[in-house]
Each structure stands twice: as C-alpha cells, then as structure tokens.
Amino acid sequence: MNKASFSEAEAFLAIVDTGGFGAAARELGVTQSTVSRRVTALEARIGRRLIQRTTRRVSLTEAGSAFANDLRDVLARLADAEGRAQADEIEPGGLLRVTMPTAYGRTRIVPRLVICALSSSPAGSRSVGSIRRFARGWV
C-alpha cells in the first residue's frame, strides 16, 4: 500500500466513522475538497462506487460497506503487528571482552560488571581479563 492509497483509505474510513465529508475533513485536519478528491481517487482505482452522495446525506453502497469491513480487518492486523514488533525486545548477544589494569578491575569494575552482565542478558558469552602492564593512551 503506497502513501496515496493509505490516505485514500484513511479518508474513506473517516467518512464512514463520522457520517460526512465535513466531519471527516475536520477529523483528518484537511479540507473537505481534499477528502472528496481522495475518496474519488479510491473509487476510481477500485472501479466501484463506495459512497452514495447526496446534498444532504452520505451512505455506503454495498461495495462500500464490504470494503470498510475488510479495511478495518487489515488495520486491526496492522495494529497487532506493530504491537508485536514493539514488544519484541532484542537481546544483546556475542562476546563481551573487557581488558583493564588488574587493581582497578578487581576493585571497581568486575564486581559490578559480572552482576550486571549476568542479570541483564543471559545470551552470549563473556570474557573478562586483566593485564599488569601500562597501556598507552590510558589516562
């Protein structure tokens, strides 16, 4: 579904929900003529009249009613898919290797690092090492 198709479907459902072009335009924050153009484009693309328009009333055709129901099902599935995608947390994995001076590592880093790494991410492997030499660039 491209961007134009989505805006057309959105305009159509807004008309169905609100009962008119003016109310749909207010809900979408666009002009009434924009809503009308979008629905006309949707009807032209589908090749069927979805909304019966009169000067006083808007009603759905049989095709429009079926299309609205199908469109609601699609949007509900889209919302479910978005919810599942947002709920899935990506676990960090892989090797974590930390190298530091021995005294500093033993007293400051290792106790906190081990607790944090083991409790937050069960996946992956860890390697903690220490060195007894001066590493250039450390301050």
C-alpha atoms as a PDB file:
ATOM      1  CA  MET A   1       0.000   0.000   0.000  1.00  0.00           C
ATOM      2  CA  ASN A   2       1.583   3.261  -1.082  1.00  0.00           C
ATOM      3  CA  LYS A   3       1.188   6.597   0.674  1.00  0.00           C
ATOM      4  CA  ALA A   4      -1.622   7.767  -1.628  1.00  0.00           C
ATOM      5  CA  SER A   5      -3.566   4.542  -1.131  1.00  0.00           C
ATOM      6  CA  PHE A   6      -3.232   4.856   2.619  1.00  0.00           C
ATOM      7  CA  SER A   7      -4.510   8.457   2.658  1.00  0.00           C
ATOM      8  CA  GLU A   8      -7.411   7.456   0.427  1.00  0.00           C
ATOM      9  CA  ALA A   9      -8.353   4.587   2.731  1.00  0.00           C
ATOM     10  CA  GLU A  10      -7.950   6.846   5.749  1.00  0.00           C
ATOM     11  CA  ALA A  11     -10.301   9.425   4.217  1.00  0.00           C
ATOM     12  CA  PHE A  12     -12.845   6.747   3.325  1.00  0.00           C
ATOM     13  CA  LEU A  13     -12.885   5.322   6.861  1.00  0.00           C
ATOM     14  CA  ALA A  14     -13.128   8.807   8.357  1.00  0.00           C
ATOM     15  CA  ILE A  15     -16.267   9.415   6.290  1.00  0.00           C
ATOM     16  CA  VAL A  16     -17.693   6.071   7.396  1.00  0.00           C
ATOM     17  CA  ASP A  17     -16.928   6.833  11.062  1.00  0.00           C
ATOM     18  CA  THR A  18     -18.113  10.430  11.116  1.00  0.00           C
ATOM     19  CA  GLY A  19     -21.001  10.208   8.658  1.00  0.00           C
ATOM     20  CA  GLY A  20     -19.939  13.013   6.354  1.00  0.00           C
ATOM     21  CA  PHE A  21     -17.238  14.712   4.348  1.00  0.00           C
ATOM     22  CA  GLY A  22     -17.071  17.833   6.519  1.00  0.00           C
ATOM     23  CA  ALA A  23     -16.699  15.931   9.776  1.00  0.00           C
ATOM     24  CA  ALA A  24     -14.128  13.615   8.188  1.00  0.00           C
ATOM     25  CA  ALA A  25     -12.137  16.624   6.977  1.00  0.00           C
ATOM     26  CA  ARG A  26     -12.135  18.130  10.468  1.00  0.00           C
ATOM     27  CA  GLU A  27     -11.027  14.830  11.985  1.00  0.00           C
ATOM     28  CA  LEU A  28      -8.178  14.449   9.484  1.00  0.00           C
ATOM     29  CA  GLY A  29      -7.179  18.104   9.586  1.00  0.00           C
ATOM     30  CA  VAL A  30      -7.589  18.641   5.838  1.00  0.00           C
ATOM     31  CA  THR A  31     -10.107  20.433   3.655  1.00  0.00           C
ATOM     32  CA  GLN A  32     -13.399  18.906   2.606  1.00  0.00           C
ATOM     33  CA  SER A  33     -12.307  19.026  -1.052  1.00  0.00           C
ATOM     34  CA  THR A  34      -9.170  17.016  -0.176  1.00  0.00           C
ATOM     35  CA  VAL A  35     -11.301  14.306   1.421  1.00  0.00           C
ATOM     36  CA  SER A  36     -13.583  14.303  -1.604  1.00  0.00           C
ATOM     37  CA  ARG A  37     -10.628  14.000  -4.029  1.00  0.00           C
ATOM     38  CA  ARG A  38      -9.130  11.135  -2.037  1.00  0.00           C
ATOM     39  CA  VAL A  39     -12.354   9.158  -1.977  1.00  0.00           C
ATOM     40  CA  THR A  40     -12.968   9.831  -5.671  1.00  0.00           C
ATOM     41  CA  ALA A  41      -9.443   8.575  -6.440  1.00  0.00           C
ATOM     42  CA  LEU A  42     -10.054   5.475  -4.322  1.00  0.00           C
ATOM     43  CA  GLU A  43     -13.325   4.756  -6.114  1.00  0.00           C
ATOM     44  CA  ALA A  44     -11.637   5.254  -9.490  1.00  0.00           C
ATOM     45  CA  ARG A  45      -8.795   2.913  -8.594  1.00  0.00           C
ATOM     46  CA  ILE A  46     -11.173   0.233  -7.317  1.00  0.00           C
ATOM     47  CA  GLY A  47     -13.631   0.760 -10.149  1.00  0.00           C
ATOM     48  CA  ARG A  48     -16.694   0.776  -7.883  1.00  0.00           C
ATOM     49  CA  ARG A  49     -18.705   3.470  -6.146  1.00  0.00           C
ATOM     50  CA  LEU A  50     -18.216   3.112  -2.394  1.00  0.00           C
ATOM     51  CA  ILE A  51     -20.224   6.072  -1.109  1.00  0.00           C
ATOM     52  CA  GLN A  52     -23.607   7.299  -2.304  1.00  0.00           C
ATOM     53  CA  ARG A  53     -23.554  11.091  -2.057  1.00  0.00           C
ATOM     54  CA  THR A  54     -26.482  13.453  -1.972  1.00  0.00           C
ATOM     55  CA  THR A  55     -26.583  17.094  -0.912  1.00  0.00           C
ATOM     56  CA  ARG A  56     -27.995  16.127   2.458  1.00  0.00           C
ATOM     57  CA  ARG A  57     -26.725  12.640   3.127  1.00  0.00           C
ATOM     58  CA  VAL A  58     -23.873  10.205   2.702  1.00  0.00           C
ATOM     59  CA  SER A  59     -24.479   6.464   2.712  1.00  0.00           C
ATOM     60  CA  LEU A  60     -22.394   3.439   1.920  1.00  0.00           C
ATOM     61  CA  THR A  61     -23.064   1.293  -1.075  1.00  0.00           C
ATOM     62  CA  GLU A  62     -22.976  -2.467  -0.676  1.00  0.00           C
ATOM     63  CA  ALA A  63     -19.426  -2.488  -2.051  1.00  0.00           C
ATOM     64  CA  GLY A  64     -18.509   0.380   0.295  1.00  0.00           C
ATOM     65  CA  SER A  65     -19.805  -1.481   3.329  1.00  0.00           C
ATOM     66  CA  ALA A  66     -17.848  -4.623   2.428  1.00  0.00           C
ATOM     67  CA  PHE A  67     -14.719  -2.577   1.689  1.00  0.00           C
ATOM     68  CA  ALA A  68     -14.987  -0.745   5.034  1.00  0.00           C
ATOM     69  CA  ASN A  69     -15.240  -4.053   6.913  1.00  0.00           C
ATOM     70  CA  ASP A  70     -12.257  -5.507   5.050  1.00  0.00           C
ATOM     71  CA  LEU A  71     -10.255  -2.339   5.584  1.00  0.00           C
ATOM     72  CA  ARG A  72     -10.948  -2.401   9.327  1.00  0.00           C
ATOM     73  CA  ASP A  73      -9.693  -6.003   9.473  1.00  0.00           C
ATOM     74  CA  VAL A  74      -6.493  -5.004   7.680  1.00  0.00           C
ATOM     75  CA  LEU A  75      -5.919  -2.047  10.014  1.00  0.00           C
ATOM     76  CA  ALA A  76      -6.548  -4.220  13.074  1.00  0.00           C
ATOM     77  CA  ARG A  77      -3.962  -6.724  11.827  1.00  0.00           C
ATOM     78  CA  LEU A  78      -1.538  -3.864  11.170  1.00  0.00           C
ATOM     79  CA  ALA A  79      -2.001  -2.576  14.723  1.00  0.00           C
ATOM     80  CA  ASP A  80      -1.412  -6.101  16.072  1.00  0.00           C
ATOM     81  CA  ALA A  81       1.755  -6.465  14.000  1.00  0.00           C
ATOM     82  CA  GLU A  82       3.062  -3.118  15.243  1.00  0.00           C
ATOM     83  CA  GLY A  83       2.332  -4.123  18.831  1.00  0.00           C
ATOM     84  CA  ARG A  84       4.173  -7.417  18.459  1.00  0.00           C
ATOM     85  CA  ALA A  85       7.137  -5.713  16.805  1.00  0.00           C
ATOM     86  CA  GLN A  86       7.358  -3.155  19.600  1.00  0.00           C
ATOM     87  CA  ALA A  87       7.023  -5.825  22.287  1.00  0.00           C
ATOM     88  CA  ASP A  88       9.855  -7.985  20.963  1.00  0.00           C
ATOM     89  CA  GLU A  89      12.993  -6.947  22.754  1.00  0.00           C
ATOM     90  CA  ILE A  90      16.264  -7.611  21.054  1.00  0.00           C
ATOM     91  CA  GLU A  91      18.689  -9.339  23.394  1.00  0.00           C
ATOM     92  CA  PRO A  92      22.298  -8.337  23.000  1.00  0.00           C
ATOM     93  CA  GLY A  93      24.490 -11.300  22.298  1.00  0.00           C
ATOM     94  CA  GLY A  94      28.022 -12.163  21.411  1.00  0.00           C
ATOM     95  CA  LEU A  95      31.344 -11.836  23.132  1.00  0.00           C
ATOM     96  CA  LEU A  96      31.982  -9.016  25.599  1.00  0.00           C
ATOM     97  CA  ARG A  97      35.691  -8.640  26.235  1.00  0.00           C
ATOM     98  CA  VAL A  98      36.958  -6.122  28.799  1.00  0.00           C
ATOM     99  CA  THR A  99      40.658  -5.563  29.450  1.00  0.00           C
ATOM    100  CA  MET A 100      41.850  -3.210  32.203  1.00  0.00           C
ATOM    101  CA  PRO A 101      44.537  -2.765  34.869  1.00  0.00           C
ATOM    102  CA  THR A 102      44.318  -5.535  37.462  1.00  0.00           C
ATOM    103  CA  ALA A 103      43.831  -3.459  40.605  1.00  0.00           C
ATOM    104  CA  TYR A 104      41.201  -1.194  39.103  1.00  0.00           C
ATOM    105  CA  GLY A 105      39.342  -4.101  37.522  1.00  0.00           C
ATOM    106  CA  ARG A 106      39.206  -6.185  40.685  1.00  0.00           C
ATOM    107  CA  THR A 107      38.008  -3.382  42.920  1.00  0.00           C
ATOM    108  CA  ARG A 108      35.745  -1.286  40.698  1.00  0.00           C
ATOM    109  CA  ILE A 109      34.652  -2.965  37.521  1.00  0.00           C
ATOM    110  CA  VAL A 110      34.460  -6.747  37.814  1.00  0.00           C
ATOM    111  CA  PRO A 111      32.040  -6.915  40.767  1.00  0.00           C
ATOM    112  CA  ARG A 112      29.551  -4.620  39.032  1.00  0.00           C
ATOM    113  CA  LEU A 113      30.145  -5.930  35.532  1.00  0.00           C
ATOM    114  CA  VAL A 114      29.543  -9.556  36.396  1.00  0.00           C
ATOM    115  CA  ILE A 115      26.296  -8.844  38.228  1.00  0.00           C
ATOM    116  CA  CYS A 116      25.031  -6.523  35.516  1.00  0.00           C
ATOM    117  CA  ALA A 117      26.006  -8.741  32.581  1.00  0.00           C
ATOM    118  CA  LEU A 118      24.601 -11.935  34.037  1.00  0.00           C
ATOM    119  CA  SER A 119      21.326 -10.419  35.171  1.00  0.00           C
ATOM    120  CA  SER A 120      20.540  -8.363  32.073  1.00  0.00           C
ATOM    121  CA  SER A 121      21.459 -10.656  29.203  1.00  0.00           C
ATOM    122  CA  PRO A 122      21.541 -14.428  29.515  1.00  0.00           C
ATOM    123  CA  ALA A 123      22.540 -14.859  25.853  1.00  0.00           C
ATOM    124  CA  GLY A 124      26.111 -14.695  24.633  1.00  0.00           C
ATOM    125  CA  SER A 125      29.444 -15.303  26.286  1.00  0.00           C
ATOM    126  CA  ARG A 126      31.685 -13.053  28.329  1.00  0.00           C
ATOM    127  CA  SER A 127      35.400 -12.777  28.817  1.00  0.00           C
ATOM    128  CA  VAL A 128      36.982 -10.569  31.463  1.00  0.00           C
ATOM    129  CA  GLY A 129      40.743 -10.289  31.644  1.00  0.00           C
ATOM    130  CA  SER A 130      43.295  -8.122  33.368  1.00  0.00           C
ATOM    131  CA  ILE A 131      46.781  -7.002  32.497  1.00  0.00           C
ATOM    132  CA  ARG A 132      49.759  -5.966  34.646  1.00  0.00           C
ATOM    133  CA  ARG A 133      51.298  -3.533  32.217  1.00  0.00           C
ATOM    134  CA  PHE A 134      50.856   0.076  31.198  1.00  0.00           C
ATOM    135  CA  ALA A 135      48.641   0.518  28.166  1.00  0.00           C
ATOM    136  CA  ARG A 136      49.379   3.571  26.063  1.00  0.00           C
ATOM    137  CA  GLY A 137      46.622   6.067  25.757  1.00  0.00           C
ATOM    138  CA  TRP A 138      45.035   5.342  29.136  1.00  0.00           C
ATOM    139  CA  VAL A 139      44.746   8.304  31.414  1.00  0.00           C
END
